[in-house]
Amino acid sequence: MRRTSLLSLAVCALIGVQTAPAAHAATLTNTFERPGSGSAYTRAEWAKDGFASTFDVGMGSRTMIDTAQKKSGAKSLRVFYPAGKISPELSGASADLAVPKAREYWLRQHVRFSPDFSWGGTEFGGKVGLGLAGGKRCSGGQGCDGYNGFTVRFAWGRDGKAILYFYHMGKTGKFGDSFQLSPNGSGYAFPRGQWIELKMRVRVNTVSGSTANANGEVQAWVNGVPAGTRTGLQFVRNADQINFAYFSSFFGGDRQTFAPTRNSYIWYDDVRVQTSPL
């Protein structure tokens, strides 16, 4: 009986959200095939696909299940970034998508920027799709003290410069630290009008008493090619680990000068989050 139960659990973990509750799944996937085309992909719809959350911004008003663009299957998720708008409240979409708590996660997503995507106004920067986060999700210019969590997200800069952007205890300025994605050792910029595979791995540091050991790590890939690693990081000094696949995508920046000059879109497809290598 025990052998049969273990086999059943392994099968459930492999097929993720289709058979196992999100709280116990080792793998969460989303290909956006279930919802009706043309409909908004609300927080309730995310939950139906295994990604529960406690809040969302813009999911009901700036998302759409789309058949015009897709990486695989027949549909993808399109997110809208209105001209002249910045911040999560007015641009893109955000939600704290829960995953089972673990020290290490791998996340993969395919993204496609619209052919005329605006990188900004006179300043340039924004967040891309899903990242990984824990605890109180330190971000937005906060100081990270080891007790208020952490975030790791993809971002863009001037001319589409591709960035991994992360908040940790040792960040050097008011906002998060970052590095440019550099597959094959060369700086990379997001192309417009084509699908890109983005992948990250985050490992949270261990804690000795209330001391954060400097053994946290972040790593990124572009289209399967290693694109950068940072080691020796301190994220937490408490029991927080990764417990969110944090959808956080918007223009800004803390000033209107980051706003796009025209309506822009990003499509997302084939999302996968798991505790083992992708």
Protein backbone atom coordinates (compact mmCIF):
# COMPACT_ATOMS: atom_id res chain seq x y z
CA MET A 1 0.00 0.00 0.00
CA ARG A 2 2.81 2.43 0.89
CA ARG A 3 4.56 1.74 -2.45
CA THR A 4 1.35 2.46 -4.35
CA SER A 5 0.80 5.71 -2.43
CA LEU A 6 4.32 6.92 -3.15
CA LEU A 7 3.87 6.14 -6.84
CA SER A 8 0.60 8.07 -6.90
CA LEU A 9 2.23 11.08 -5.27
CA ALA A 10 5.05 11.01 -7.81
CA VAL A 11 2.62 10.95 -10.71
CA CYS A 12 0.65 13.84 -9.20
CA ALA A 13 3.81 15.88 -8.81
CA LEU A 14 4.74 15.35 -12.44
CA ILE A 15 1.40 16.50 -13.82
CA GLY A 16 1.10 19.30 -11.27
CA VAL A 17 -2.05 21.38 -11.21
CA GLN A 18 -4.21 18.98 -13.17
CA THR A 19 -4.46 16.48 -10.29
CA ALA A 20 -2.87 17.89 -7.14
CA PRO A 21 -3.78 20.88 -4.97
CA ALA A 22 -1.37 23.79 -5.31
CA ALA A 23 -0.39 23.53 -1.65
CA HIS A 24 1.19 20.10 -2.27
CA ALA A 25 2.31 20.26 -5.91
CA ALA A 26 6.03 20.00 -6.68
CA THR A 27 5.38 21.45 -10.13
CA LEU A 28 2.99 24.16 -11.31
CA THR A 29 2.40 24.76 -14.99
CA ASN A 30 0.24 27.08 -17.06
CA THR A 31 -0.19 27.05 -20.82
CA PHE A 32 -3.33 29.27 -20.73
CA GLU A 33 -5.28 26.76 -22.81
CA ARG A 34 -8.24 26.30 -20.45
CA PRO A 35 -9.86 29.79 -20.29
CA GLY A 36 -12.03 31.07 -23.13
CA SER A 37 -10.28 33.18 -25.73
CA GLY A 38 -10.89 36.91 -25.45
CA SER A 39 -11.64 36.72 -21.72
CA ALA A 40 -9.76 38.46 -18.93
CA TYR A 41 -7.52 36.16 -16.92
CA THR A 42 -8.60 37.15 -13.43
CA ARG A 43 -7.26 36.06 -10.07
CA ALA A 44 -10.10 33.53 -9.88
CA GLU A 45 -9.04 32.08 -13.24
CA TRP A 46 -5.42 31.76 -12.07
CA ALA A 47 -6.74 29.86 -9.05
CA LYS A 48 -8.62 27.42 -11.27
CA ASP A 49 -5.28 26.58 -12.86
CA GLY A 50 -3.62 25.96 -9.50
CA PHE A 51 -2.16 29.40 -8.71
CA ALA A 52 -3.96 30.78 -5.66
CA SER A 53 -3.29 34.37 -4.56
CA THR A 54 -4.32 36.92 -1.96
CA PHE A 55 -4.30 40.01 -4.19
CA ASP A 56 -4.11 41.11 -7.79
CA VAL A 57 -3.87 44.39 -9.65
CA GLY A 58 -4.86 44.70 -13.30
CA MET A 59 -5.65 41.03 -13.89
CA GLY A 60 -9.31 41.75 -14.49
CA SER A 61 -8.78 44.86 -16.63
CA ARG A 62 -5.48 44.55 -18.50
CA THR A 63 -5.19 40.85 -19.36
CA MET A 64 -6.70 38.76 -22.15
CA ILE A 65 -6.49 35.15 -23.25
CA ASP A 66 -5.33 35.52 -26.84
CA THR A 67 -5.23 33.28 -29.90
CA ALA A 68 -3.33 35.71 -32.13
CA GLN A 69 0.03 34.86 -30.54
CA LYS A 70 1.10 31.64 -28.83
CA LYS A 71 4.33 29.79 -28.17
CA SER A 72 2.54 26.44 -28.15
CA GLY A 73 -1.04 25.22 -28.23
CA ALA A 74 -3.75 27.64 -29.30
CA LYS A 75 -3.64 30.42 -26.67
CA SER A 76 -1.42 32.67 -24.59
CA LEU A 77 -1.84 35.41 -21.99
CA ARG A 78 -1.66 39.00 -23.27
CA VAL A 79 -0.96 41.84 -20.82
CA PHE A 80 -1.64 45.49 -21.68
CA TYR A 81 0.61 48.44 -20.77
CA PRO A 82 -1.27 51.68 -21.64
CA ALA A 83 0.54 54.67 -23.11
CA GLY A 84 1.42 57.29 -20.51
CA LYS A 85 0.82 55.04 -17.48
CA ILE A 86 3.23 53.75 -14.83
CA SER A 87 2.98 51.72 -11.60
CA PRO A 88 1.23 48.41 -10.85
CA GLU A 89 -2.08 50.24 -10.32
CA LEU A 90 -2.20 51.62 -13.87
CA SER A 91 0.14 49.45 -15.95
CA GLY A 92 0.42 45.73 -16.63
CA ALA A 93 -0.68 43.23 -14.01
CA SER A 94 0.45 41.83 -10.67
CA ALA A 95 -0.49 38.95 -8.36
CA ASP A 96 1.17 37.01 -5.53
CA LEU A 97 0.76 33.51 -6.96
CA ALA A 98 1.35 31.03 -4.14
CA VAL A 99 3.71 28.08 -4.45
CA PRO A 100 4.61 25.52 -1.78
CA LYS A 101 7.34 26.90 0.46
CA ALA A 102 10.84 25.77 -0.51
CA ARG A 103 14.43 27.01 -0.31
CA GLU A 104 15.06 26.64 -4.04
CA TYR A 105 12.84 27.10 -7.11
CA TRP A 106 13.27 27.15 -10.87
CA LEU A 107 10.92 29.25 -13.02
CA ARG A 108 10.49 29.27 -16.79
CA GLN A 109 8.28 31.44 -18.99
CA HIS A 110 8.09 32.37 -22.64
CA VAL A 111 7.54 36.07 -23.40
CA ARG A 112 6.93 38.08 -26.55
CA PHE A 113 7.06 41.89 -26.70
CA SER A 114 4.76 43.57 -29.23
CA PRO A 115 6.56 44.63 -32.45
CA ASP A 116 6.29 48.33 -31.53
CA PHE A 117 6.78 47.91 -27.76
CA SER A 118 7.81 51.19 -26.13
CA TRP A 119 10.69 50.83 -23.68
CA GLY A 120 9.71 54.10 -21.96
CA GLY A 121 9.60 57.88 -22.33
CA THR A 122 12.79 59.73 -21.40
CA GLU A 123 13.69 57.12 -18.77
CA PHE A 124 13.47 53.40 -19.34
CA GLY A 125 12.58 50.47 -17.14
CA GLY A 126 9.88 47.98 -16.26
CA LYS A 127 9.28 44.50 -14.87
CA VAL A 128 8.63 41.40 -16.96
CA GLY A 129 6.14 38.68 -16.05
CA LEU A 130 6.78 36.19 -13.30
CA GLY A 131 9.57 36.12 -10.76
CA LEU A 132 10.19 34.40 -7.44
CA ALA A 133 9.62 35.93 -4.01
CA GLY A 134 9.24 35.13 -0.36
CA GLY A 135 7.74 36.45 2.86
CA LYS A 136 6.64 40.08 2.66
CA ARG A 137 8.23 40.47 -0.82
CA CYS A 138 10.67 43.33 -0.14
CA SER A 139 10.56 45.67 -3.17
CA GLY A 140 9.51 49.18 -4.21
CA GLY A 141 12.51 50.96 -2.71
CA GLN A 142 12.18 49.27 0.69
CA GLY A 143 15.18 48.31 2.77
CA CYS A 144 15.47 44.51 3.04
CA ASP A 145 16.27 43.63 6.66
CA GLY A 146 16.01 39.84 6.46
CA TYR A 147 12.56 39.85 8.04
CA ASN A 148 10.49 41.47 5.24
CA GLY A 149 11.17 39.03 2.44
CA PHE A 150 12.76 39.36 -0.99
CA THR A 151 11.94 39.47 -4.71
CA VAL A 152 13.72 38.35 -7.89
CA ARG A 153 12.28 39.51 -11.23
CA PHE A 154 13.19 40.00 -14.86
CA ALA A 155 13.19 43.61 -16.07
CA TRP A 156 14.07 45.78 -19.04
CA GLY A 157 16.05 48.99 -19.38
CA ARG A 158 17.00 51.41 -22.16
CA ASP A 159 16.61 49.91 -25.65
CA GLY A 160 15.25 46.70 -24.13
CA LYS A 161 18.34 45.88 -22.07
CA ALA A 162 17.50 42.55 -20.40
CA ILE A 163 18.02 42.53 -16.63
CA LEU A 164 17.69 40.27 -13.61
CA TYR A 165 16.55 42.54 -10.78
CA PHE A 166 16.63 41.42 -7.14
CA TYR A 167 16.00 42.76 -3.65
CA HIS A 168 18.21 41.25 -0.93
CA MET A 169 19.73 42.32 2.37
CA GLY A 170 22.98 43.55 0.86
CA LYS A 171 21.56 45.67 -1.97
CA THR A 172 23.77 48.67 -2.64
CA GLY A 173 21.18 51.42 -3.16
CA LYS A 174 17.57 52.35 -2.48
CA PHE A 175 16.27 50.08 -5.22
CA GLY A 176 17.13 46.50 -6.10
CA ASP A 177 20.46 45.29 -7.44
CA SER A 178 20.62 44.01 -11.00
CA PHE A 179 22.80 42.62 -13.74
CA GLN A 180 22.36 42.55 -17.50
CA LEU A 181 21.57 39.13 -18.93
CA SER A 182 24.57 38.04 -20.96
CA PRO A 183 24.14 34.69 -22.74
CA ASN A 184 27.41 33.58 -24.34
CA GLY A 185 29.16 36.36 -22.42
CA SER A 186 27.64 39.25 -24.37
CA GLY A 187 25.08 41.80 -23.18
CA TYR A 188 21.55 40.94 -24.28
CA ALA A 189 18.54 43.10 -25.12
CA PHE A 190 14.99 41.81 -25.45
CA PRO A 191 13.93 41.67 -29.10
CA ARG A 192 10.50 42.88 -30.13
CA GLY A 193 8.08 40.65 -32.01
CA GLN A 194 9.52 37.21 -31.19
CA TRP A 195 9.19 34.62 -28.47
CA ILE A 196 11.96 34.35 -25.87
CA GLU A 197 12.44 31.72 -23.17
CA LEU A 198 13.43 33.21 -19.81
CA LYS A 199 14.44 31.01 -16.91
CA MET A 200 15.65 31.74 -13.40
CA ARG A 201 16.80 29.79 -10.38
CA VAL A 202 16.71 31.23 -6.87
CA ARG A 203 18.20 29.58 -3.81
CA VAL A 204 17.53 31.24 -0.45
CA ASN A 205 20.37 31.42 2.06
CA THR A 206 20.44 29.25 5.17
CA VAL A 207 20.13 30.83 8.61
CA SER A 208 22.17 30.14 11.75
CA GLY A 209 20.19 31.43 14.72
CA SER A 210 19.20 34.85 13.39
CA THR A 211 22.31 35.22 11.22
CA ALA A 212 21.85 35.12 7.46
CA ASN A 213 24.53 32.93 5.92
CA ALA A 214 25.93 34.38 2.69
CA ASN A 215 25.04 31.40 0.51
CA GLY A 216 21.98 32.59 -1.43
CA GLU A 217 22.09 32.45 -5.21
CA VAL A 218 20.31 33.74 -8.32
CA GLN A 219 20.86 32.45 -11.83
CA ALA A 220 19.32 33.24 -15.23
CA TRP A 221 19.11 31.73 -18.71
CA VAL A 222 17.94 33.11 -22.07
CA ASN A 223 16.71 30.59 -24.63
CA GLY A 224 18.43 27.82 -22.68
CA VAL A 225 21.83 29.59 -22.53
CA PRO A 226 23.32 30.60 -19.15
CA ALA A 227 23.04 34.39 -18.84
CA GLY A 228 24.39 35.26 -15.40
CA THR A 229 24.79 34.15 -11.79
CA ARG A 230 25.22 35.90 -8.46
CA THR A 231 26.29 34.00 -5.34
CA GLY A 232 27.00 34.90 -1.73
CA LEU A 233 23.62 36.60 -1.28
CA GLN A 234 21.68 37.11 1.95
CA PHE A 235 17.90 37.17 1.55
CA VAL A 236 16.54 36.26 4.99
CA ARG A 237 17.44 35.92 8.65
CA ASN A 238 14.19 34.17 9.59
CA ALA A 239 12.30 31.10 8.34
CA ASP A 240 11.09 32.72 5.09
CA GLN A 241 11.74 30.82 1.90
CA ILE A 242 10.30 31.08 -1.61
CA ASN A 243 6.51 30.91 -1.45
CA PHE A 244 5.41 33.05 -4.43
CA ALA A 245 5.70 32.87 -8.19
CA TYR A 246 5.31 36.63 -8.18
CA PHE A 247 3.62 38.02 -11.29
CA SER A 248 4.80 41.64 -11.22
CA SER A 249 4.88 43.41 -14.59
CA PHE A 250 4.50 47.15 -15.14
CA PHE A 251 6.27 50.29 -16.38
CA GLY A 252 8.42 52.20 -13.86
CA GLY A 253 10.30 53.52 -12.10
CA ASP A 254 8.99 56.01 -9.68
CA ARG A 255 8.49 58.87 -12.14
CA GLN A 256 6.15 59.61 -15.04
CA THR A 257 9.19 59.83 -17.33
CA PHE A 258 9.23 56.00 -17.37
CA ALA A 259 5.79 55.83 -19.04
CA PRO A 260 5.50 54.23 -22.50
CA THR A 261 4.91 56.57 -25.42
CA ARG A 262 2.37 54.21 -27.02
CA ASN A 263 0.15 51.30 -26.04
CA SER A 264 2.31 48.21 -25.59
CA TYR A 265 1.73 44.50 -24.97
CA ILE A 266 3.60 41.45 -23.73
CA TRP A 267 2.40 37.89 -24.32
CA TYR A 268 3.21 35.07 -21.89
CA ASP A 269 3.04 31.33 -22.46
CA ASP A 270 4.25 27.95 -21.16
CA VAL A 271 4.89 28.97 -17.55
CA ARG A 272 6.49 26.34 -15.34
CA VAL A 273 7.58 26.59 -11.70
CA GLN A 274 9.20 23.71 -9.83
CA THR A 275 11.67 22.76 -7.12
CA SER A 276 13.87 20.67 -9.43
CA PRO A 277 15.94 21.76 -12.45
CA LEU A 278 14.00 22.66 -15.58
